[in-house]
C-alpha atoms as a PDB file:
ATOM      1  CA  ARG A   1     -13.949  -4.706  37.524  1.00  0.00           C
ATOM      2  CA  ALA A   2     -15.751  -7.968  37.668  1.00  0.00           C
ATOM      3  CA  VAL A   3     -12.574 -10.034  37.513  1.00  0.00           C
ATOM      4  CA  GLY A   4     -10.496  -7.529  39.640  1.00  0.00           C
ATOM      5  CA  ALA A   5      -8.213  -6.287  36.797  1.00  0.00           C
ATOM      6  CA  PRO A   6      -8.006  -2.981  34.842  1.00  0.00           C
ATOM      7  CA  ALA A   7      -8.554  -2.759  31.130  1.00  0.00           C
ATOM      8  CA  ILE A   8      -5.399  -1.332  29.495  1.00  0.00           C
ATOM      9  CA  ALA A   9      -4.944  -0.253  25.823  1.00  0.00           C
ATOM     10  CA  LEU A  10      -1.528  -0.506  24.481  1.00  0.00           C
ATOM     11  CA  HIS A  11      -0.057   0.477  21.130  1.00  0.00           C
ATOM     12  CA  ARG A  12       0.883  -2.771  19.406  1.00  0.00           C
ATOM     13  CA  ALA A  13       4.558  -1.549  18.801  1.00  0.00           C
ATOM     14  CA  ARG A  14       4.901  -0.626  22.442  1.00  0.00           C
ATOM     15  CA  LEU A  15       3.689  -4.116  23.392  1.00  0.00           C
ATOM     16  CA  GLN A  16       6.100  -5.883  20.932  1.00  0.00           C
ATOM     17  CA  ARG A  17       8.964  -3.768  22.366  1.00  0.00           C
ATOM     18  CA  ALA A  18       8.201  -4.755  25.924  1.00  0.00           C
ATOM     19  CA  LEU A  19       7.815  -8.475  25.019  1.00  0.00           C
ATOM     20  CA  ALA A  20      11.053  -8.345  22.867  1.00  0.00           C
ATOM     21  CA  ALA A  21      13.010  -6.797  25.737  1.00  0.00           C
ATOM     22  CA  GLN A  22      12.485 -10.063  27.644  1.00  0.00           C
ATOM     23  CA  VAL A  23      14.291 -12.149  24.961  1.00  0.00           C
ATOM     24  CA  ASP A  24      17.926 -12.504  24.142  1.00  0.00           C
ATOM     25  CA  PRO A  25      18.421 -10.509  20.928  1.00  0.00           C
ATOM     26  CA  ALA A  26      20.639 -13.181  19.562  1.00  0.00           C
ATOM     27  CA  ARG A  27      17.535 -15.554  19.718  1.00  0.00           C
ATOM     28  CA  LEU A  28      15.147 -13.288  17.951  1.00  0.00           C
ATOM     29  CA  HIS A  29      15.015 -13.361  14.200  1.00  0.00           C
ATOM     30  CA  LEU A  30      12.674 -11.088  12.431  1.00  0.00           C
ATOM     31  CA  GLY A  31      11.507 -10.870   8.728  1.00  0.00           C
ATOM     32  CA  VAL A  32      11.853 -14.695   8.196  1.00  0.00           C
ATOM     33  CA  ALA A  33       8.696 -16.479   7.084  1.00  0.00           C
ATOM     34  CA  VAL A  34       8.072 -20.172   7.766  1.00  0.00           C
ATOM     35  CA  THR A  35       6.896 -22.158   4.774  1.00  0.00           C
ATOM     36  CA  GLY A  36       6.526 -25.609   6.359  1.00  0.00           C
ATOM     37  CA  PHE A  37       7.943 -28.203   8.745  1.00  0.00           C
ATOM     38  CA  ASP A  38       9.007 -31.828   9.034  1.00  0.00           C
ATOM     39  CA  GLU A  39       8.399 -33.666  12.286  1.00  0.00           C
ATOM     40  CA  ALA A  40      10.493 -36.468  13.739  1.00  0.00           C
ATOM     41  CA  SER A  41      10.243 -38.264  17.038  1.00  0.00           C
ATOM     42  CA  ASP A  42      12.842 -36.242  18.703  1.00  0.00           C
ATOM     43  CA  ALA A  43      12.774 -32.828  16.857  1.00  0.00           C
ATOM     44  CA  VAL A  44      11.005 -30.613  14.301  1.00  0.00           C
ATOM     45  CA  ARG A  45      12.726 -29.217  11.214  1.00  0.00           C
ATOM     46  CA  VAL A  46      11.301 -25.899  10.212  1.00  0.00           C
ATOM     47  CA  ARG A  47      11.555 -24.667   6.502  1.00  0.00           C
ATOM     48  CA  LEU A  48      12.175 -20.940   5.904  1.00  0.00           C
ATOM     49  CA  GLU A  49      11.462 -18.963   2.700  1.00  0.00           C
ATOM     50  CA  ASP A  50      14.992 -18.207   2.222  1.00  0.00           C
ATOM     51  CA  GLY A  51      15.845 -21.844   1.776  1.00  0.00           C
ATOM     52  CA  ARG A  52      17.330 -22.430   5.239  1.00  0.00           C
ATOM     53  CA  GLU A  53      16.071 -25.142   7.625  1.00  0.00           C
ATOM     54  CA  VAL A  54      16.286 -24.936  11.489  1.00  0.00           C
ATOM     55  CA  SER A  55      15.798 -27.672  14.065  1.00  0.00           C
ATOM     56  CA  ALA A  56      14.063 -27.414  17.345  1.00  0.00           C
ATOM     57  CA  ASP A  57      12.439 -29.481  20.135  1.00  0.00           C
ATOM     58  CA  ALA A  58       9.081 -27.981  19.347  1.00  0.00           C
ATOM     59  CA  LEU A  59       7.341 -25.640  16.978  1.00  0.00           C
ATOM     60  CA  VAL A  60       4.853 -23.192  18.283  1.00  0.00           C
ATOM     61  CA  ALA A  61       3.241 -21.496  15.337  1.00  0.00           C
ATOM     62  CA  CYS A  62       2.117 -17.872  15.923  1.00  0.00           C
ATOM     63  CA  ASP A  63       1.957 -16.985  12.202  1.00  0.00           C
ATOM     64  CA  GLY A  64      -1.612 -15.572  12.133  1.00  0.00           C
ATOM     65  CA  LEU A  65      -4.724 -15.843  10.117  1.00  0.00           C
ATOM     66  CA  ARG A  66      -3.015 -17.403   7.087  1.00  0.00           C
ATOM     67  CA  SER A  67      -0.665 -19.509   8.959  1.00  0.00           C
ATOM     68  CA  ALA A  68       1.591 -21.744   6.912  1.00  0.00           C
ATOM     69  CA  VAL A  69       1.901 -24.152   9.679  1.00  0.00           C
ATOM     70  CA  ARG A  70      -1.865 -24.458  10.197  1.00  0.00           C
ATOM     71  CA  ARG A  71      -2.165 -25.047   6.506  1.00  0.00           C
ATOM     72  CA  GLN A  72       0.086 -28.105   6.885  1.00  0.00           C
ATOM     73  CA  LEU A  73      -1.258 -29.292  10.254  1.00  0.00           C
ATOM     74  CA  VAL A  74      -4.893 -28.771   9.650  1.00  0.00           C
ATOM     75  CA  GLY A  75      -5.353 -28.146   5.897  1.00  0.00           C
ATOM     76  CA  ASP A  76      -8.703 -26.283   6.228  1.00  0.00           C
ATOM     77  CA  GLY A  77      -8.219 -23.895   3.328  1.00  0.00           C
ATOM     78  CA  GLU A  78      -8.644 -20.059   3.251  1.00  0.00           C
ATOM     79  CA  PRO A  79     -10.118 -18.000   6.066  1.00  0.00           C
ATOM     80  CA  ARG A  80     -13.820 -16.979   5.664  1.00  0.00           C
ATOM     81  CA  TYR A  81     -14.571 -13.346   4.927  1.00  0.00           C
ATOM     82  CA  ALA A  82     -16.692 -11.643   7.648  1.00  0.00           C
ATOM     83  CA  GLY A  83     -18.463  -9.387   5.229  1.00  0.00           C
ATOM     84  CA  TYR A  84     -16.777  -6.028   6.126  1.00  0.00           C
ATOM     85  CA  THR A  85     -13.658  -4.153   5.513  1.00  0.00           C
ATOM     86  CA  SER A  86     -11.756  -2.096   8.110  1.00  0.00           C
ATOM     87  CA  TRP A  87      -9.336   0.819   8.485  1.00  0.00           C
ATOM     88  CA  ARG A  88      -7.156   1.393  11.367  1.00  0.00           C
ATOM     89  CA  GLY A  89      -4.860   4.322  12.522  1.00  0.00           C
ATOM     90  CA  VAL A  90      -3.247   6.207  15.233  1.00  0.00           C
ATOM     91  CA  ALA A  91      -3.955   9.898  15.587  1.00  0.00           C
ATOM     92  CA  ARG A  92      -1.567  12.280  17.327  1.00  0.00           C
ATOM     93  CA  GLY A  93      -2.674  15.073  19.554  1.00  0.00           C
ATOM     94  CA  ASP A  94      -5.560  15.638  21.976  1.00  0.00           C
ATOM     95  CA  CYS A  95      -8.338  15.890  19.235  1.00  0.00           C
ATOM     96  CA  GLY A  96     -10.863  16.394  22.099  1.00  0.00           C
ATOM     97  CA  VAL A  97     -10.830  12.742  22.996  1.00  0.00           C
ATOM     98  CA  ASP A  98     -12.112  11.675  26.403  1.00  0.00           C
ATOM     99  CA  ARG A  99      -8.997   9.971  27.708  1.00  0.00           C
ATOM    100  CA  ASP A 100     -10.963   7.957  30.233  1.00  0.00           C
ATOM    101  CA  ARG A 101     -13.481   6.425  27.653  1.00  0.00           C
ATOM    102  CA  VAL A 102     -13.331   3.794  25.085  1.00  0.00           C
ATOM    103  CA  SER A 103     -16.194   4.220  22.590  1.00  0.00           C
ATOM    104  CA  GLU A 104     -17.766   2.582  19.537  1.00  0.00           C
ATOM    105  CA  THR A 105     -20.363   4.357  17.364  1.00  0.00           C
ATOM    106  CA  TRP A 106     -22.660   2.429  15.071  1.00  0.00           C
ATOM    107  CA  GLY A 107     -24.379   3.395  11.820  1.00  0.00           C
ATOM    108  CA  PRO A 108     -25.974   1.696   8.886  1.00  0.00           C
ATOM    109  CA  GLY A 109     -23.390  -0.964   7.862  1.00  0.00           C
ATOM    110  CA  ARG A 110     -20.649   0.994   9.619  1.00  0.00           C
ATOM    111  CA  ARG A 111     -18.775   1.303  12.996  1.00  0.00           C
ATOM    112  CA  PHE A 112     -16.176   3.661  14.305  1.00  0.00           C
ATOM    113  CA  GLY A 113     -14.180   3.058  17.529  1.00  0.00           C
ATOM    114  CA  VAL A 114     -11.995   5.347  19.568  1.00  0.00           C
ATOM    115  CA  VAL A 115      -9.361   3.951  22.060  1.00  0.00           C
ATOM    116  CA  PRO A 116      -7.221   6.531  23.955  1.00  0.00           C
ATOM    117  CA  LEU A 117      -3.521   5.448  24.194  1.00  0.00           C
ATOM    118  CA  ALA A 118      -0.612   6.985  26.144  1.00  0.00           C
ATOM    119  CA  ASP A 119       1.213  10.178  25.076  1.00  0.00           C
ATOM    120  CA  ASP A 120      -1.857  11.874  23.627  1.00  0.00           C
ATOM    121  CA  GLU A 121      -2.274   9.317  20.881  1.00  0.00           C
ATOM    122  CA  THR A 122      -5.619   7.680  20.087  1.00  0.00           C
ATOM    123  CA  TYR A 123      -6.108   4.399  18.224  1.00  0.00           C
ATOM    124  CA  TRP A 124      -9.169   4.369  16.041  1.00  0.00           C
ATOM    125  CA  PHE A 125     -10.746   1.817  13.841  1.00  0.00           C
ATOM    126  CA  ALA A 126     -13.577   2.150  11.116  1.00  0.00           C
ATOM    127  CA  THR A 127     -15.510  -0.641   9.349  1.00  0.00           C
ATOM    128  CA  GLN A 128     -17.907  -0.775   6.497  1.00  0.00           C
ATOM    129  CA  ASN A 129     -19.885  -3.694   4.972  1.00  0.00           C
ATOM    130  CA  ALA A 130     -18.285  -4.277   1.589  1.00  0.00           C
ATOM    131  CA  PRO A 131     -17.358  -6.892  -0.921  1.00  0.00           C
ATOM    132  CA  ALA A 132     -14.066  -8.538  -0.266  1.00  0.00           C
ATOM    133  CA  GLY A 133     -10.942  -7.168  -2.054  1.00  0.00           C
ATOM    134  CA  GLU A 134     -11.972  -3.542  -2.418  1.00  0.00           C
ATOM    135  CA  ARG A 135      -9.163  -1.002  -2.000  1.00  0.00           C
ATOM    136  CA  ASP A 136      -8.747   2.717  -1.667  1.00  0.00           C
ATOM    137  CA  ALA A 137      -7.015   4.673  -4.413  1.00  0.00           C
ATOM    138  CA  PRO A 138      -3.242   5.273  -3.546  1.00  0.00           C
ATOM    139  CA  GLY A 139      -3.014   8.149  -0.958  1.00  0.00           C
ATOM    140  CA  ALA A 140      -6.805   8.349  -0.628  1.00  0.00           C
ATOM    141  CA  ALA A 141      -7.686   6.302   2.476  1.00  0.00           C
ATOM    142  CA  ARG A 142      -8.271   9.347   4.533  1.00  0.00           C
ATOM    143  CA  GLU A 143     -10.344  11.044   1.911  1.00  0.00           C
ATOM    144  CA  THR A 144     -12.496   7.951   1.658  1.00  0.00           C
ATOM    145  CA  LEU A 145     -12.937   7.722   5.456  1.00  0.00           C
ATOM    146  CA  LEU A 146     -13.880  11.465   5.684  1.00  0.00           C
ATOM    147  CA  GLY A 147     -16.502  10.900   3.036  1.00  0.00           C
ATOM    148  CA  LEU A 148     -17.861   7.870   5.094  1.00  0.00           C
ATOM    149  CA  PHE A 149     -17.427   9.202   8.683  1.00  0.00           C
ATOM    150  CA  GLY A 150     -16.543  12.923   8.452  1.00  0.00           C
ATOM    151  CA  ALA A 151     -20.103  14.083   9.255  1.00  0.00           C
ATOM    152  CA  TRP A 152     -20.304  11.807  12.280  1.00  0.00           C
ATOM    153  CA  HIS A 153     -20.039  13.243  15.837  1.00  0.00           C
ATOM    154  CA  ALA A 154     -16.910  14.687  17.226  1.00  0.00           C
ATOM    155  CA  PRO A 155     -14.037  13.687  17.669  1.00  0.00           C
ATOM    156  CA  ILE A 156     -14.226  11.332  14.704  1.00  0.00           C
ATOM    157  CA  GLY A 157     -13.592  13.860  11.935  1.00  0.00           C
ATOM    158  CA  ASP A 158     -10.716  15.355  14.003  1.00  0.00           C
ATOM    159  CA  LEU A 159      -9.214  12.039  14.544  1.00  0.00           C
ATOM    160  CA  LEU A 160      -9.163  11.231  10.855  1.00  0.00           C
ATOM    161  CA  ARG A 161      -7.592  14.611  10.034  1.00  0.00           C
ATOM    162  CA  ALA A 162      -4.994  14.225  12.624  1.00  0.00           C
ATOM    163  CA  THR A 163      -3.793  10.696  11.286  1.00  0.00           C
ATOM    164  CA  PRO A 164      -1.090  10.880   8.792  1.00  0.00           C
ATOM    165  CA  GLU A 165      -2.152   9.062   5.386  1.00  0.00           C
ATOM    166  CA  GLU A 166       0.794   6.596   5.705  1.00  0.00           C
ATOM    167  CA  ARG A 167      -0.462   5.538   9.164  1.00  0.00           C
ATOM    168  CA  ILE A 168      -3.854   4.380   7.944  1.00  0.00           C
ATOM    169  CA  VAL A 169      -4.054   0.591   7.279  1.00  0.00           C
ATOM    170  CA  ARG A 170      -6.995  -1.025   5.493  1.00  0.00           C
ATOM    171  CA  THR A 171      -7.691  -4.787   5.785  1.00  0.00           C
ATOM    172  CA  ASP A 172     -10.642  -7.020   5.048  1.00  0.00           C
ATOM    173  CA  ILE A 173     -11.868  -8.856   8.145  1.00  0.00           C
ATOM    174  CA  ALA A 174     -11.853 -12.690   8.266  1.00  0.00           C
ATOM    175  CA  ASP A 175     -11.901 -15.500  10.726  1.00  0.00           C
ATOM    176  CA  ARG A 176     -12.108 -19.243  10.764  1.00  0.00           C
ATOM    177  CA  PRO A 177     -14.545 -21.907  12.360  1.00  0.00           C
ATOM    178  CA  ALA A 178     -13.238 -23.107  15.733  1.00  0.00           C
ATOM    179  CA  LEU A 179     -10.871 -26.059  15.845  1.00  0.00           C
ATOM    180  CA  THR A 180     -11.140 -28.942  18.230  1.00  0.00           C
ATOM    181  CA  ARG A 181      -7.402 -29.883  17.846  1.00  0.00           C
ATOM    182  CA  TRP A 182      -4.584 -27.399  17.330  1.00  0.00           C
ATOM    183  CA  SER A 183      -1.520 -29.518  18.297  1.00  0.00           C
ATOM    184  CA  ARG A 184       0.106 -32.659  17.147  1.00  0.00           C
ATOM    185  CA  GLY A 185       3.244 -34.314  18.515  1.00  0.00           C
ATOM    186  CA  ARG A 186       5.775 -31.427  18.746  1.00  0.00           C
ATOM    187  CA  VAL A 187       3.758 -28.874  16.822  1.00  0.00           C
ATOM    188  CA  ALA A 188       1.144 -26.479  18.222  1.00  0.00           C
ATOM    189  CA  LEU A 189      -0.676 -23.369  17.080  1.00  0.00           C
ATOM    190  CA  LEU A 190      -1.141 -20.247  19.137  1.00  0.00           C
ATOM    191  CA  GLY A 191      -3.155 -17.083  18.766  1.00  0.00           C
ATOM    192  CA  ASP A 192      -4.690 -16.264  15.345  1.00  0.00           C
ATOM    193  CA  ALA A 193      -3.099 -19.351  13.907  1.00  0.00           C
ATOM    194  CA  ALA A 194      -5.195 -21.461  16.218  1.00  0.00           C
ATOM    195  CA  HIS A 195      -8.376 -19.461  16.566  1.00  0.00           C
ATOM    196  CA  PRO A 196      -8.691 -16.258  14.602  1.00  0.00           C
ATOM    197  CA  MET A 197     -11.440 -14.014  15.578  1.00  0.00           C
ATOM    198  CA  THR A 198     -12.955 -10.791  14.226  1.00  0.00           C
ATOM    199  CA  PRO A 199     -11.145  -7.979  16.085  1.00  0.00           C
ATOM    200  CA  ASN A 200     -13.557  -6.912  18.732  1.00  0.00           C
ATOM    201  CA  LEU A 201     -12.277  -5.685  22.112  1.00  0.00           C
ATOM    202  CA  GLY A 202      -8.835  -6.697  21.099  1.00  0.00           C
ATOM    203  CA  GLN A 203      -9.863 -10.345  21.766  1.00  0.00           C
ATOM    204  CA  GLY A 204      -7.409 -11.737  19.184  1.00  0.00           C
ATOM    205  CA  GLY A 205      -4.353 -10.222  20.563  1.00  0.00           C
ATOM    206  CA  CYS A 206      -5.472 -10.847  24.229  1.00  0.00           C
ATOM    207  CA  GLN A 207      -6.250 -14.467  23.508  1.00  0.00           C
ATOM    208  CA  ALA A 208      -2.719 -14.894  22.080  1.00  0.00           C
ATOM    209  CA  ILE A 209      -1.250 -13.673  25.261  1.00  0.00           C
ATOM    210  CA  GLU A 210      -3.454 -15.969  27.243  1.00  0.00           C
ATOM    211  CA  ASP A 211      -2.414 -18.866  25.105  1.00  0.00           C
ATOM    212  CA  ALA A 212       1.275 -18.059  25.760  1.00  0.00           C
ATOM    213  CA  VAL A 213       0.604 -17.985  29.530  1.00  0.00           C
ATOM    214  CA  VAL A 214      -1.200 -21.314  29.523  1.00  0.00           C
ATOM    215  CA  LEU A 215       1.491 -22.792  27.164  1.00  0.00           C
ATOM    216  CA  SER A 216       4.319 -21.725  29.483  1.00  0.00           C
ATOM    217  CA  GLY A 217       2.468 -23.191  32.430  1.00  0.00           C
ATOM    218  CA  ALA A 218       1.982 -26.552  30.599  1.00  0.00           C
ATOM    219  CA  LEU A 219       5.677 -26.612  29.666  1.00  0.00           C
ATOM    220  CA  ALA A 220       6.727 -25.944  33.215  1.00  0.00           C
ATOM    221  CA  THR A 221       4.325 -28.773  34.569  1.00  0.00           C
ATOM    222  CA  HIS A 222       5.091 -31.611  32.137  1.00  0.00           C
ATOM    223  CA  ALA A 223       8.488 -33.289  31.655  1.00  0.00           C
ATOM    224  CA  LYS A 224       7.574 -34.659  28.208  1.00  0.00           C
ATOM    225  CA  LEU A 225       6.909 -32.210  25.408  1.00  0.00           C
ATOM    226  CA  PRO A 226       3.996 -33.728  23.719  1.00  0.00           C
ATOM    227  CA  GLU A 227       2.141 -34.098  27.003  1.00  0.00           C
ATOM    228  CA  ALA A 228       2.749 -30.370  27.650  1.00  0.00           C
ATOM    229  CA  LEU A 229       1.402 -29.434  24.241  1.00  0.00           C
ATOM    230  CA  ALA A 230      -1.593 -31.837  24.604  1.00  0.00           C
ATOM    231  CA  ASP A 231      -2.445 -30.203  28.043  1.00  0.00           C
ATOM    232  CA  TYR A 232      -2.045 -26.679  26.524  1.00  0.00           C
ATOM    233  CA  GLU A 233      -4.688 -27.575  23.892  1.00  0.00           C
ATOM    234  CA  GLN A 234      -6.976 -29.256  26.391  1.00  0.00           C
ATOM    235  CA  ILE A 235      -7.064 -26.199  28.714  1.00  0.00           C
ATOM    236  CA  GLY A 236      -7.743 -24.048  25.737  1.00  0.00           C
ATOM    237  CA  ARG A 237     -10.716 -26.063  24.587  1.00  0.00           C
ATOM    238  CA  ALA A 238     -12.090 -25.994  28.183  1.00  0.00           C
ATOM    239  CA  SER A 239     -11.900 -22.225  28.427  1.00  0.00           C
END
């Protein structure tokens, strides 16, 4: 309300489909990881894990927390562990969820969040302070979660029971210290590759979208590509 805009929660897959629909399918190549790049004065050659190389005017790396491009551009090592692990899932059905309320419940060393989505689906997340690298036994993530959160208030237990085991994802949470530079010449970082954050209020995904808007504006404003990328970085630092 303070900025005159609504808060909207979207399932990530729906958001990806909406964005992909704006791109020529012939120009969208999925399942191809970037391993590195070589920069020249007039182009960037990008190396792919299947052995191919592609050439482009610029490289905008959106390859996430463990970005291969960032590793080469910045070389700041591995992410830092935030001290807690997380589970995420999408439950089907009503489950008694208040469709107009996003909530987060706190307990000793634990959190549980509830985010209503469209079509009677609910995204939820759970966190627990834990050593890095712990994993659930195969097929036992929901059982683990019910042991941790099943006695918490409704509708937490019902959400867990309404989530198929195969739709529960567990990841340790990590971030990185803030960068003062995330572009060089014809190469720039975007989203989690530039400034990964712990996943609170969807800020990582939202920041990536904001980055893309700022970058598109800079590209439209500047005739020279290096100037556009430098402006994109400067605006990001100022905000």
